[in-house]
Amino acid sequence: MDGQLIAFTGIAAGLVAMPGADFTVVVRNALVSRRAGAVCGLGIAGGLLVHTTLAVAGVAAVLVAVPALFRALQLLGGVYVLQLGVRTLWSLRRPPAPAPAEEAPSAAHPLRQGFVTNVLNPKASLTFLSLLPQFVPSGGSALPRTLLLALIVCTLALAWFQVVALLVDRLGRWLRRPRPARMLQAGTGTALTALGAALLLEPLLA
């Protein structure tokens, strides 16, 4: 493997593993079941595929050229993440139960959460728009190389969030006890609410 691919893989792995809304949403779903967390991670990988495809096509440059569009997407993403956080915190009002029926969503629900949480983050498009060209050698065809880089990003995300879902599931017996479960639920709800609020405030204060 050439040095540029190794360097890109390391940088992309760091970006994918960086704690944020994606990580928090996967943990939130993995607390329900390993399958829900894994499916949510699949949705996030799908969102990253959209962002990398936009970067490959150059469409993401529009977000730089049209600041209003970037702000609109940022606000939309902020609203979605914020409502996830508020719903998570609101559910703490209910008394703890061993296995409530509402905590067993269909596969489509965590898949949609993961996909929407990621795809509504315009910063991901801008990140890959600025990152991918740095690792495309000049003088050759850019498309095959850029597609390879996009594939690496999506593969890393898919693998990482499966690992996260597995680890949460392995700790699930302890995490699903009433007190730890509510503490973790409060933590993930607070994190999502803070992330959503930050996404909403950033374009308003800019």
N, C-alpha and C. Protein backbone atom coordinates (compact mmCIF):
# COMPACT_ATOMS: atom_id res chain seq x y z
N MET A 1 0.86 -1.19 0.00
CA MET A 1 0.00 0.00 0.00
C MET A 1 0.89 1.24 0.00
N ASP A 2 0.58 2.24 -0.82
CA ASP A 2 1.44 3.40 -0.87
C ASP A 2 1.25 4.28 0.37
N GLY A 3 2.25 5.13 0.60
CA GLY A 3 2.27 5.94 1.81
C GLY A 3 1.08 6.87 1.94
N GLN A 4 0.62 7.40 0.80
CA GLN A 4 -0.51 8.31 0.85
C GLN A 4 -1.78 7.61 1.33
N LEU A 5 -1.99 6.39 0.87
CA LEU A 5 -3.17 5.65 1.32
C LEU A 5 -3.10 5.34 2.81
N ILE A 6 -1.91 4.99 3.29
CA ILE A 6 -1.74 4.72 4.71
C ILE A 6 -2.04 5.98 5.53
N ALA A 7 -1.51 7.11 5.08
CA ALA A 7 -1.74 8.38 5.78
C ALA A 7 -3.22 8.74 5.77
N PHE A 8 -3.84 8.60 4.61
CA PHE A 8 -5.27 8.94 4.51
C PHE A 8 -6.10 8.04 5.42
N THR A 9 -5.79 6.74 5.43
CA THR A 9 -6.53 5.80 6.27
C THR A 9 -6.43 6.18 7.74
N GLY A 10 -5.23 6.60 8.17
CA GLY A 10 -5.06 7.02 9.56
C GLY A 10 -5.86 8.26 9.90
N ILE A 11 -5.83 9.24 9.01
CA ILE A 11 -6.57 10.48 9.24
C ILE A 11 -8.08 10.20 9.23
N ALA A 12 -8.52 9.44 8.24
CA ALA A 12 -9.95 9.13 8.14
C ALA A 12 -10.43 8.34 9.35
N ALA A 13 -9.60 7.41 9.84
CA ALA A 13 -9.98 6.63 11.02
C ALA A 13 -10.16 7.55 12.22
N GLY A 14 -9.28 8.53 12.36
CA GLY A 14 -9.41 9.49 13.46
C GLY A 14 -10.69 10.31 13.35
N LEU A 15 -11.02 10.73 12.15
CA LEU A 15 -12.24 11.51 11.95
C LEU A 15 -13.49 10.67 12.23
N VAL A 16 -13.47 9.42 11.78
CA VAL A 16 -14.63 8.55 11.98
C VAL A 16 -14.84 8.25 13.46
N ALA A 17 -13.73 8.01 14.19
CA ALA A 17 -13.83 7.62 15.59
C ALA A 17 -14.04 8.81 16.53
N MET A 18 -13.92 10.02 16.02
CA MET A 18 -14.07 11.20 16.87
C MET A 18 -15.47 11.24 17.47
N PRO A 19 -15.57 11.37 18.80
CA PRO A 19 -16.90 11.40 19.43
C PRO A 19 -17.75 12.55 18.90
N GLY A 20 -18.99 12.28 18.68
CA GLY A 20 -19.92 13.28 18.17
C GLY A 20 -21.31 12.70 18.12
N ALA A 21 -22.18 13.32 17.33
CA ALA A 21 -23.56 12.87 17.26
C ALA A 21 -23.66 11.44 16.75
N ASP A 22 -22.84 11.07 15.75
CA ASP A 22 -22.89 9.71 15.21
C ASP A 22 -22.62 8.67 16.31
N PHE A 23 -21.53 8.89 17.06
CA PHE A 23 -21.15 7.97 18.13
C PHE A 23 -22.26 7.86 19.17
N THR A 24 -22.81 9.01 19.55
CA THR A 24 -23.83 9.03 20.60
C THR A 24 -25.10 8.31 20.16
N VAL A 25 -25.48 8.49 18.91
CA VAL A 25 -26.69 7.84 18.41
C VAL A 25 -26.50 6.33 18.34
N VAL A 26 -25.30 5.88 17.96
CA VAL A 26 -25.03 4.43 17.92
C VAL A 26 -25.11 3.85 19.33
N VAL A 27 -24.49 4.52 20.31
CA VAL A 27 -24.53 4.04 21.69
C VAL A 27 -25.98 3.98 22.18
N ARG A 28 -26.73 5.02 21.87
CA ARG A 28 -28.13 5.07 22.30
C ARG A 28 -28.91 3.87 21.76
N ASN A 29 -28.68 3.52 20.51
CA ASN A 29 -29.38 2.38 19.91
C ASN A 29 -28.83 1.05 20.39
N ALA A 30 -27.49 1.00 20.60
CA ALA A 30 -26.88 -0.25 21.04
C ALA A 30 -27.32 -0.63 22.44
N LEU A 31 -27.76 0.35 23.23
CA LEU A 31 -28.30 0.06 24.56
C LEU A 31 -29.60 -0.73 24.46
N VAL A 32 -30.31 -0.55 23.35
CA VAL A 32 -31.53 -1.32 23.11
C VAL A 32 -31.15 -2.75 22.73
N SER A 33 -30.25 -2.88 21.75
CA SER A 33 -29.76 -4.19 21.34
C SER A 33 -28.54 -3.99 20.45
N ARG A 34 -27.72 -5.03 20.38
CA ARG A 34 -26.56 -4.97 19.48
C ARG A 34 -27.02 -4.76 18.04
N ARG A 35 -28.10 -5.43 17.65
CA ARG A 35 -28.61 -5.31 16.29
C ARG A 35 -29.00 -3.87 15.98
N ALA A 36 -29.68 -3.20 16.92
CA ALA A 36 -30.09 -1.82 16.69
C ALA A 36 -28.86 -0.92 16.53
N GLY A 37 -27.83 -1.13 17.37
CA GLY A 37 -26.61 -0.34 17.24
C GLY A 37 -25.90 -0.60 15.93
N ALA A 38 -25.83 -1.87 15.53
CA ALA A 38 -25.16 -2.23 14.28
C ALA A 38 -25.89 -1.64 13.08
N VAL A 39 -27.21 -1.70 13.10
CA VAL A 39 -28.00 -1.15 11.99
C VAL A 39 -27.86 0.37 11.94
N CYS A 40 -27.81 1.01 13.11
CA CYS A 40 -27.60 2.46 13.16
C CYS A 40 -26.25 2.81 12.55
N GLY A 41 -25.20 2.01 12.87
CA GLY A 41 -23.89 2.22 12.27
C GLY A 41 -23.91 2.07 10.76
N LEU A 42 -24.75 1.15 10.27
CA LEU A 42 -24.90 0.98 8.83
C LEU A 42 -25.52 2.23 8.21
N GLY A 43 -26.48 2.82 8.92
CA GLY A 43 -27.08 4.07 8.44
C GLY A 43 -26.08 5.20 8.37
N ILE A 44 -25.19 5.28 9.38
CA ILE A 44 -24.16 6.31 9.38
C ILE A 44 -23.21 6.12 8.21
N ALA A 45 -22.83 4.86 7.95
CA ALA A 45 -21.96 4.58 6.80
C ALA A 45 -22.65 5.00 5.50
N GLY A 46 -23.97 4.80 5.44
CA GLY A 46 -24.73 5.26 4.26
C GLY A 46 -24.69 6.77 4.12
N GLY A 47 -24.80 7.48 5.26
CA GLY A 47 -24.70 8.94 5.21
C GLY A 47 -23.34 9.39 4.74
N LEU A 48 -22.28 8.72 5.22
CA LEU A 48 -20.92 9.05 4.78
C LEU A 48 -20.75 8.78 3.28
N LEU A 49 -21.42 7.75 2.80
CA LEU A 49 -21.35 7.46 1.36
C LEU A 49 -21.93 8.62 0.56
N VAL A 50 -23.00 9.22 1.07
CA VAL A 50 -23.59 10.39 0.41
C VAL A 50 -22.57 11.54 0.40
N HIS A 51 -21.95 11.80 1.57
CA HIS A 51 -21.00 12.91 1.67
C HIS A 51 -19.79 12.70 0.77
N THR A 52 -19.24 11.50 0.78
CA THR A 52 -18.07 11.25 -0.06
C THR A 52 -18.42 11.29 -1.54
N THR A 53 -19.63 10.85 -1.88
CA THR A 53 -20.06 10.93 -3.27
C THR A 53 -20.19 12.38 -3.71
N LEU A 54 -20.74 13.22 -2.82
CA LEU A 54 -20.83 14.65 -3.11
C LEU A 54 -19.44 15.26 -3.30
N ALA A 55 -18.52 14.84 -2.45
CA ALA A 55 -17.16 15.37 -2.56
C ALA A 55 -16.52 14.93 -3.88
N VAL A 56 -16.72 13.65 -4.22
CA VAL A 56 -16.17 13.14 -5.48
C VAL A 56 -16.76 13.91 -6.66
N ALA A 57 -18.05 14.17 -6.60
CA ALA A 57 -18.72 14.86 -7.71
C ALA A 57 -18.45 16.36 -7.71
N GLY A 58 -17.92 16.87 -6.60
CA GLY A 58 -17.68 18.31 -6.50
C GLY A 58 -18.89 19.11 -6.12
N VAL A 59 -20.02 18.43 -5.89
CA VAL A 59 -21.25 19.14 -5.54
C VAL A 59 -21.12 19.82 -4.19
N ALA A 60 -20.32 19.24 -3.29
CA ALA A 60 -20.17 19.81 -1.96
C ALA A 60 -19.58 21.21 -2.00
N ALA A 61 -18.92 21.55 -3.11
CA ALA A 61 -18.37 22.90 -3.24
C ALA A 61 -19.47 23.96 -3.20
N VAL A 62 -20.68 23.57 -3.55
CA VAL A 62 -21.81 24.51 -3.50
C VAL A 62 -22.03 25.00 -2.08
N LEU A 63 -21.76 24.13 -1.09
CA LEU A 63 -21.95 24.52 0.30
C LEU A 63 -20.99 25.64 0.69
N VAL A 64 -19.83 25.66 0.03
CA VAL A 64 -18.87 26.74 0.28
C VAL A 64 -19.28 27.99 -0.47
N ALA A 65 -19.75 27.81 -1.70
CA ALA A 65 -20.10 28.95 -2.55
C ALA A 65 -21.40 29.61 -2.11
N VAL A 66 -22.29 28.85 -1.49
CA VAL A 66 -23.59 29.39 -1.08
C VAL A 66 -23.72 29.22 0.43
N PRO A 67 -23.25 30.19 1.21
CA PRO A 67 -23.28 30.08 2.67
C PRO A 67 -24.69 29.86 3.23
N ALA A 68 -25.69 30.44 2.58
CA ALA A 68 -27.06 30.29 3.08
C ALA A 68 -27.50 28.83 3.04
N LEU A 69 -27.08 28.10 2.02
CA LEU A 69 -27.42 26.69 1.91
C LEU A 69 -26.74 25.89 3.02
N PHE A 70 -25.47 26.22 3.26
CA PHE A 70 -24.75 25.55 4.34
C PHE A 70 -25.44 25.78 5.68
N ARG A 71 -25.84 27.03 5.94
CA ARG A 71 -26.50 27.35 7.21
C ARG A 71 -27.84 26.64 7.33
N ALA A 72 -28.57 26.57 6.21
CA ALA A 72 -29.87 25.90 6.24
C ALA A 72 -29.72 24.42 6.59
N LEU A 73 -28.74 23.76 5.96
CA LEU A 73 -28.50 22.35 6.26
C LEU A 73 -28.03 22.17 7.70
N GLN A 74 -27.20 23.11 8.16
CA GLN A 74 -26.70 23.02 9.53
C GLN A 74 -27.85 23.17 10.53
N LEU A 75 -28.75 24.11 10.26
CA LEU A 75 -29.90 24.30 11.14
C LEU A 75 -30.80 23.06 11.14
N LEU A 76 -31.02 22.49 9.95
CA LEU A 76 -31.85 21.30 9.85
C LEU A 76 -31.25 20.14 10.62
N GLY A 77 -29.94 19.95 10.47
CA GLY A 77 -29.26 18.90 11.21
C GLY A 77 -29.30 19.15 12.71
N GLY A 78 -29.14 20.41 13.10
CA GLY A 78 -29.20 20.75 14.52
C GLY A 78 -30.55 20.45 15.12
N VAL A 79 -31.61 20.77 14.39
CA VAL A 79 -32.97 20.49 14.88
C VAL A 79 -33.17 18.99 15.07
N TYR A 80 -32.68 18.20 14.11
CA TYR A 80 -32.87 16.75 14.21
C TYR A 80 -32.12 16.17 15.40
N VAL A 81 -30.84 16.54 15.56
CA VAL A 81 -30.05 16.02 16.68
C VAL A 81 -30.62 16.51 18.01
N LEU A 82 -31.05 17.76 18.04
CA LEU A 82 -31.62 18.32 19.27
C LEU A 82 -32.88 17.57 19.69
N GLN A 83 -33.74 17.27 18.73
CA GLN A 83 -34.98 16.57 19.10
C GLN A 83 -34.68 15.13 19.57
N LEU A 84 -33.64 14.49 19.01
CA LEU A 84 -33.24 13.18 19.51
C LEU A 84 -32.81 13.27 20.97
N GLY A 85 -32.03 14.31 21.29
CA GLY A 85 -31.57 14.49 22.66
C GLY A 85 -32.71 14.78 23.61
N VAL A 86 -33.60 15.66 23.20
CA VAL A 86 -34.74 16.02 24.06
C VAL A 86 -35.64 14.81 24.29
N ARG A 87 -35.88 14.03 23.24
CA ARG A 87 -36.70 12.82 23.39
C ARG A 87 -36.06 11.83 24.35
N THR A 88 -34.72 11.71 24.26
CA THR A 88 -34.02 10.79 25.16
C THR A 88 -34.14 11.25 26.60
N LEU A 89 -33.96 12.55 26.85
CA LEU A 89 -34.08 13.08 28.21
C LEU A 89 -35.53 13.00 28.69
N TRP A 90 -36.47 13.25 27.80
CA TRP A 90 -37.89 13.22 28.17
C TRP A 90 -38.31 11.83 28.61
N SER A 91 -37.70 10.81 27.99
CA SER A 91 -38.07 9.44 28.34
C SER A 91 -37.63 9.07 29.75
N LEU A 92 -36.72 9.87 30.36
CA LEU A 92 -36.31 9.61 31.72
C LEU A 92 -37.43 9.85 32.72
N ARG A 93 -38.46 10.56 32.29
CA ARG A 93 -39.60 10.82 33.17
C ARG A 93 -40.35 9.54 33.50
N ARG A 94 -40.26 8.54 32.60
CA ARG A 94 -40.95 7.28 32.85
C ARG A 94 -40.18 6.46 33.87
N PRO A 95 -40.85 5.75 34.73
CA PRO A 95 -40.15 4.87 35.68
C PRO A 95 -39.42 3.77 34.94
N PRO A 96 -38.25 3.33 35.42
CA PRO A 96 -37.49 2.28 34.73
C PRO A 96 -38.27 0.98 34.68
N ALA A 97 -38.16 0.30 33.57
CA ALA A 97 -38.81 -1.00 33.41
C ALA A 97 -37.80 -1.96 32.82
N PRO A 98 -37.90 -3.27 33.13
CA PRO A 98 -36.89 -4.21 32.66
C PRO A 98 -36.75 -4.29 31.16
N ALA A 99 -37.86 -4.36 30.45
CA ALA A 99 -37.78 -4.49 28.98
C ALA A 99 -39.03 -3.94 28.35
N PRO A 100 -39.17 -2.62 28.29
CA PRO A 100 -40.38 -2.05 27.72
C PRO A 100 -40.51 -2.37 26.25
N ALA A 101 -41.74 -2.58 25.81
CA ALA A 101 -41.97 -2.95 24.40
C ALA A 101 -41.52 -1.86 23.45
N GLU A 102 -41.60 -0.58 23.89
CA GLU A 102 -41.24 0.52 23.00
C GLU A 102 -39.74 0.61 22.76
N GLU A 103 -38.95 -0.16 23.55
CA GLU A 103 -37.51 -0.12 23.38
C GLU A 103 -37.04 -1.17 22.38
N ALA A 104 -37.93 -1.71 21.57
CA ALA A 104 -37.54 -2.69 20.56
C ALA A 104 -37.95 -2.21 19.18
N PRO A 105 -37.27 -1.16 18.68
CA PRO A 105 -37.66 -0.60 17.40
C PRO A 105 -37.34 -1.54 16.25
N SER A 106 -38.05 -1.34 15.15
CA SER A 106 -37.75 -2.12 13.96
C SER A 106 -36.40 -1.69 13.41
N ALA A 107 -35.83 -2.52 12.53
CA ALA A 107 -34.51 -2.21 11.98
C ALA A 107 -34.50 -0.89 11.24
N ALA A 108 -35.64 -0.52 10.65
CA ALA A 108 -35.70 0.71 9.87
C ALA A 108 -35.50 1.94 10.74
N HIS A 109 -35.90 1.87 12.01
CA HIS A 109 -35.83 3.04 12.88
C HIS A 109 -34.38 3.44 13.19
N PRO A 110 -33.52 2.55 13.71
CA PRO A 110 -32.12 2.94 13.94
C PRO A 110 -31.37 3.22 12.64
N LEU A 111 -31.72 2.51 11.56
CA LEU A 111 -31.09 2.78 10.26
C LEU A 111 -31.37 4.21 9.84
N ARG A 112 -32.62 4.63 9.98
CA ARG A 112 -33.00 5.99 9.61
C ARG A 112 -32.33 7.02 10.51
N GLN A 113 -32.26 6.73 11.81
CA GLN A 113 -31.62 7.66 12.73
C GLN A 113 -30.15 7.86 12.38
N GLY A 114 -29.44 6.76 12.14
CA GLY A 114 -28.03 6.87 11.79
C GLY A 114 -27.82 7.63 10.50
N PHE A 115 -28.61 7.31 9.49
CA PHE A 115 -28.46 7.95 8.18
C PHE A 115 -28.76 9.44 8.25
N VAL A 116 -29.90 9.79 8.85
CA VAL A 116 -30.31 11.20 8.90
C VAL A 116 -29.35 12.02 9.75
N THR A 117 -28.93 11.47 10.90
CA THR A 117 -28.00 12.19 11.77
C THR A 117 -26.73 12.55 11.01
N ASN A 118 -26.21 11.63 10.22
CA ASN A 118 -24.97 11.88 9.49
C ASN A 118 -25.18 12.73 8.25
N VAL A 119 -26.20 12.42 7.48
CA VAL A 119 -26.35 13.08 6.18
C VAL A 119 -26.74 14.55 6.34
N LEU A 120 -27.35 14.92 7.49
CA LEU A 120 -27.72 16.31 7.71
C LEU A 120 -26.59 17.13 8.32
N ASN A 121 -25.40 16.56 8.35
CA ASN A 121 -24.24 17.29 8.85
C ASN A 121 -23.42 17.80 7.66
N PRO A 122 -23.60 19.05 7.26
CA PRO A 122 -22.90 19.55 6.07
C PRO A 122 -21.39 19.63 6.26
N LYS A 123 -20.94 19.67 7.52
CA LYS A 123 -19.50 19.74 7.76
C LYS A 123 -18.78 18.50 7.25
N ALA A 124 -19.50 17.37 7.22
CA ALA A 124 -18.89 16.14 6.71
C ALA A 124 -18.53 16.30 5.24
N SER A 125 -19.45 16.88 4.47
CA SER A 125 -19.16 17.12 3.05
C SER A 125 -17.96 18.03 2.88
N LEU A 126 -17.92 19.10 3.68
CA LEU A 126 -16.81 20.05 3.57
C LEU A 126 -15.49 19.40 3.99
N THR A 127 -15.55 18.55 5.01
CA THR A 127 -14.34 17.86 5.46
C THR A 127 -13.76 17.00 4.35
N PHE A 128 -14.61 16.20 3.72
CA PHE A 128 -14.11 15.30 2.69
C PHE A 128 -13.79 16.05 1.40
N LEU A 129 -14.50 17.16 1.16
CA LEU A 129 -14.18 17.97 -0.02
C LEU A 129 -12.76 18.53 0.09
N SER A 130 -12.37 18.92 1.30
CA SER A 130 -11.02 19.47 1.49
C SER A 130 -9.97 18.38 1.67
N LEU A 131 -10.39 17.21 2.20
CA LEU A 131 -9.43 16.15 2.50
C LEU A 131 -9.08 15.29 1.30
N LEU A 132 -10.09 14.85 0.55
CA LEU A 132 -9.84 13.88 -0.53
C LEU A 132 -8.83 14.37 -1.56
N PRO A 133 -8.92 15.64 -2.04
CA PRO A 133 -7.97 16.06 -3.08
C PRO A 133 -6.51 16.03 -2.62
N GLN A 134 -6.26 16.11 -1.30
CA GLN A 134 -4.89 16.10 -0.81
C GLN A 134 -4.19 14.76 -1.05
N PHE A 135 -4.99 13.72 -1.30
CA PHE A 135 -4.43 12.38 -1.43
C PHE A 135 -4.66 11.79 -2.83
N VAL A 136 -4.92 12.67 -3.78
CA VAL A 136 -5.06 12.26 -5.18
C VAL A 136 -3.83 12.73 -5.93
N PRO A 137 -2.98 11.81 -6.41
CA PRO A 137 -1.76 12.20 -7.12
C PRO A 137 -2.09 13.00 -8.38
N SER A 138 -1.30 14.01 -8.64
CA SER A 138 -1.51 14.82 -9.84
C SER A 138 -1.02 14.07 -11.07
N GLY A 139 -1.63 14.39 -12.19
CA GLY A 139 -1.19 13.81 -13.45
C GLY A 139 -1.91 12.56 -13.86
N GLY A 140 -2.72 11.99 -12.98
CA GLY A 140 -3.46 10.79 -13.32
C GLY A 140 -4.96 11.02 -13.28
N SER A 141 -5.71 9.96 -13.50
CA SER A 141 -7.15 10.06 -13.43
C SER A 141 -7.58 10.15 -11.97
N ALA A 142 -8.28 11.21 -11.62
CA ALA A 142 -8.64 11.45 -10.22
C ALA A 142 -9.80 10.57 -9.76
N LEU A 143 -10.71 10.20 -10.67
CA LEU A 143 -11.94 9.52 -10.26
C LEU A 143 -11.69 8.18 -9.58
N PRO A 144 -10.89 7.25 -10.17
CA PRO A 144 -10.69 5.96 -9.50
C PRO A 144 -10.07 6.11 -8.11
N ARG A 145 -9.09 7.01 -8.00
CA ARG A 145 -8.43 7.21 -6.71
C ARG A 145 -9.40 7.79 -5.68
N THR A 146 -10.19 8.78 -6.09
CA THR A 146 -11.13 9.41 -5.17
C THR A 146 -12.20 8.42 -4.72
N LEU A 147 -12.65 7.58 -5.64
CA LEU A 147 -13.63 6.55 -5.28
C LEU A 147 -13.04 5.57 -4.27
N LEU A 148 -11.76 5.24 -4.45
CA LEU A 148 -11.09 4.34 -3.50
C LEU A 148 -11.03 4.98 -2.11
N LEU A 149 -10.70 6.27 -2.06
CA LEU A 149 -10.64 6.97 -0.78
C LEU A 149 -12.02 7.01 -0.11
N ALA A 150 -13.05 7.24 -0.93
CA ALA A 150 -14.42 7.26 -0.39
C ALA A 150 -14.79 5.90 0.17
N LEU A 151 -14.39 4.84 -0.54
CA LEU A 151 -14.67 3.48 -0.07
C LEU A 151 -13.97 3.20 1.26
N ILE A 152 -12.75 3.69 1.41
CA ILE A 152 -12.00 3.51 2.66
C ILE A 152 -12.75 4.17 3.81
N VAL A 153 -13.23 5.39 3.60
CA VAL A 153 -13.96 6.11 4.65
C VAL A 153 -15.20 5.34 5.08
N CYS A 154 -15.99 4.89 4.11
CA CYS A 154 -17.24 4.18 4.43
C CYS A 154 -16.95 2.85 5.13
N THR A 155 -15.89 2.16 4.70
CA THR A 155 -15.53 0.89 5.32
C THR A 155 -15.08 1.09 6.76
N LEU A 156 -14.29 2.14 7.00
CA LEU A 156 -13.85 2.44 8.36
C LEU A 156 -15.04 2.75 9.27
N ALA A 157 -15.97 3.54 8.76
CA ALA A 157 -17.14 3.89 9.57
C ALA A 157 -17.97 2.65 9.88
N LEU A 158 -18.17 1.82 8.87
CA LEU A 158 -18.96 0.61 9.07
C LEU A 158 -18.31 -0.29 10.12
N ALA A 159 -16.99 -0.48 10.03
CA ALA A 159 -16.28 -1.34 10.99
C ALA A 159 -16.27 -0.73 12.39
N TRP A 160 -16.00 0.58 12.49
CA TRP A 160 -15.90 1.22 13.79
C TRP A 160 -17.21 1.15 14.56
N PHE A 161 -18.30 1.46 13.91
CA PHE A 161 -19.57 1.51 14.64
C PHE A 161 -20.11 0.11 14.94
N GLN A 162 -19.67 -0.90 14.18
CA GLN A 162 -19.99 -2.27 14.58
C GLN A 162 -19.24 -2.63 15.86
N VAL A 163 -17.99 -2.17 15.98
CA VAL A 163 -17.21 -2.41 17.19
C VAL A 163 -17.86 -1.71 18.39
N VAL A 164 -18.29 -0.45 18.18
CA VAL A 164 -18.96 0.29 19.25
C VAL A 164 -20.21 -0.45 19.70
N ALA A 165 -21.03 -0.90 18.74
CA ALA A 165 -22.26 -1.62 19.09
C ALA A 165 -21.94 -2.90 19.85
N LEU A 166 -20.87 -3.59 19.43
CA LEU A 166 -20.49 -4.84 20.10
C LEU A 166 -20.04 -4.57 21.53
N LEU A 167 -19.22 -3.54 21.74
CA LEU A 167 -18.73 -3.23 23.08
C LEU A 167 -19.87 -2.84 24.01
N VAL A 168 -20.78 -2.02 23.50
CA VAL A 168 -21.93 -1.63 24.32
C VAL A 168 -22.78 -2.85 24.65
N ASP A 169 -22.94 -3.74 23.67
CA ASP A 169 -23.73 -4.94 23.90
C ASP A 169 -23.05 -5.85 24.93
N ARG A 170 -21.71 -5.95 24.88
CA ARG A 170 -20.98 -6.79 25.83
C ARG A 170 -21.15 -6.27 27.26
N LEU A 171 -21.23 -4.94 27.38
CA LEU A 171 -21.45 -4.34 28.69
C LEU A 171 -22.94 -4.20 29.00
N GLY A 172 -23.75 -4.71 28.08
CA GLY A 172 -25.19 -4.47 28.17
C GLY A 172 -25.83 -4.94 29.45
N ARG A 173 -25.38 -6.09 29.97
CA ARG A 173 -26.02 -6.61 31.19
C ARG A 173 -25.89 -5.60 32.32
N TRP A 174 -24.69 -4.98 32.44
CA TRP A 174 -24.51 -3.98 33.48
C TRP A 174 -25.18 -2.66 33.10
N LEU A 175 -25.02 -2.26 31.82
CA LEU A 175 -25.56 -0.98 31.38
C LEU A 175 -27.08 -0.95 31.42
N ARG A 176 -27.71 -2.14 31.32
CA ARG A 176 -29.17 -2.17 31.31
C ARG A 176 -29.78 -2.27 32.71
N ARG A 177 -28.94 -2.33 33.73
CA ARG A 177 -29.47 -2.23 35.08
C ARG A 177 -30.07 -0.83 35.24
N PRO A 178 -31.13 -0.71 36.03
CA PRO A 178 -31.87 0.57 36.08
C PRO A 178 -31.00 1.80 36.31
N ARG A 179 -30.11 1.76 37.32
CA ARG A 179 -29.36 2.96 37.63
C ARG A 179 -28.33 3.30 36.56
N PRO A 180 -27.42 2.35 36.17
CA PRO A 180 -26.47 2.68 35.09
C PRO A 180 -27.16 3.04 33.78
N ALA A 181 -28.28 2.35 33.48
CA ALA A 181 -28.99 2.63 32.22
C ALA A 181 -29.51 4.06 32.19
N ARG A 182 -30.07 4.50 33.31
CA ARG A 182 -30.60 5.86 33.36
C ARG A 182 -29.48 6.90 33.34
N MET A 183 -28.35 6.56 33.98
CA MET A 183 -27.22 7.48 33.95
C MET A 183 -26.67 7.63 32.54
N LEU A 184 -26.53 6.50 31.83
CA LEU A 184 -26.03 6.55 30.46
C LEU A 184 -27.04 7.22 29.54
N GLN A 185 -28.32 6.94 29.77
CA GLN A 185 -29.36 7.58 28.97
C GLN A 185 -29.34 9.09 29.18
N ALA A 186 -29.16 9.51 30.43
CA ALA A 186 -29.07 10.94 30.71
C ALA A 186 -27.84 11.54 30.04
N GLY A 187 -26.72 10.79 30.05
CA GLY A 187 -25.50 11.28 29.42
C GLY A 187 -25.63 11.42 27.92
N THR A 188 -26.19 10.38 27.28
CA THR A 188 -26.35 10.45 25.81
C THR A 188 -27.38 11.51 25.43
N GLY A 189 -28.45 11.62 26.22
CA GLY A 189 -29.45 12.65 25.94
C GLY A 189 -28.88 14.04 26.06
N THR A 190 -28.07 14.25 27.11
CA THR A 190 -27.43 15.56 27.30
C THR A 190 -26.45 15.86 26.18
N ALA A 191 -25.67 14.83 25.79
CA ALA A 191 -24.70 15.03 24.71
C ALA A 191 -25.39 15.39 23.40
N LEU A 192 -26.45 14.65 23.06
CA LEU A 192 -27.19 14.94 21.82
C LEU A 192 -27.82 16.33 21.87
N THR A 193 -28.39 16.69 23.02
CA THR A 193 -29.01 18.00 23.16
C THR A 193 -27.97 19.11 22.99
N ALA A 194 -26.80 18.93 23.62
CA ALA A 194 -25.74 19.93 23.52
C ALA A 194 -25.22 20.03 22.09
N LEU A 195 -25.03 18.88 21.43
CA LEU A 195 -24.56 18.89 20.04
C LEU A 195 -25.57 19.57 19.12
N GLY A 196 -26.85 19.25 19.32
CA GLY A 196 -27.89 19.88 18.50
C GLY A 196 -27.96 21.37 18.73
N ALA A 197 -27.86 21.79 20.00
CA ALA A 197 -27.88 23.22 20.30
C ALA A 197 -26.68 23.93 19.69
N ALA A 198 -25.51 23.27 19.74
CA ALA A 198 -24.31 23.87 19.15
C ALA A 198 -24.47 24.05 17.64
N LEU A 199 -25.05 23.03 16.98
CA LEU A 199 -25.28 23.14 15.53
C LEU A 199 -26.25 24.26 15.19
N LEU A 200 -27.23 24.47 16.08
CA LEU A 200 -28.21 25.54 15.84
C LEU A 200 -27.61 26.91 16.10
N LEU A 201 -26.80 27.02 17.15
CA LEU A 201 -26.26 28.33 17.54
C LEU A 201 -25.14 28.81 16.62
N GLU A 202 -24.35 27.86 16.10
CA GLU A 202 -23.18 28.26 15.30
C GLU A 202 -23.56 29.15 14.11
N PRO A 203 -24.55 28.72 13.26
CA PRO A 203 -24.87 29.61 12.14
C PRO A 203 -25.57 30.88 12.57
N LEU A 204 -26.25 30.85 13.70
CA LEU A 204 -26.95 32.05 14.18
C LEU A 204 -25.97 33.09 14.72
N LEU A 205 -24.86 32.61 15.29
CA LEU A 205 -23.88 33.52 15.88
C LEU A 205 -22.81 33.92 14.87
N ALA A 206 -22.77 33.22 13.72
CA ALA A 206 -21.72 33.51 12.73
C ALA A 206 -21.95 34.87 12.08
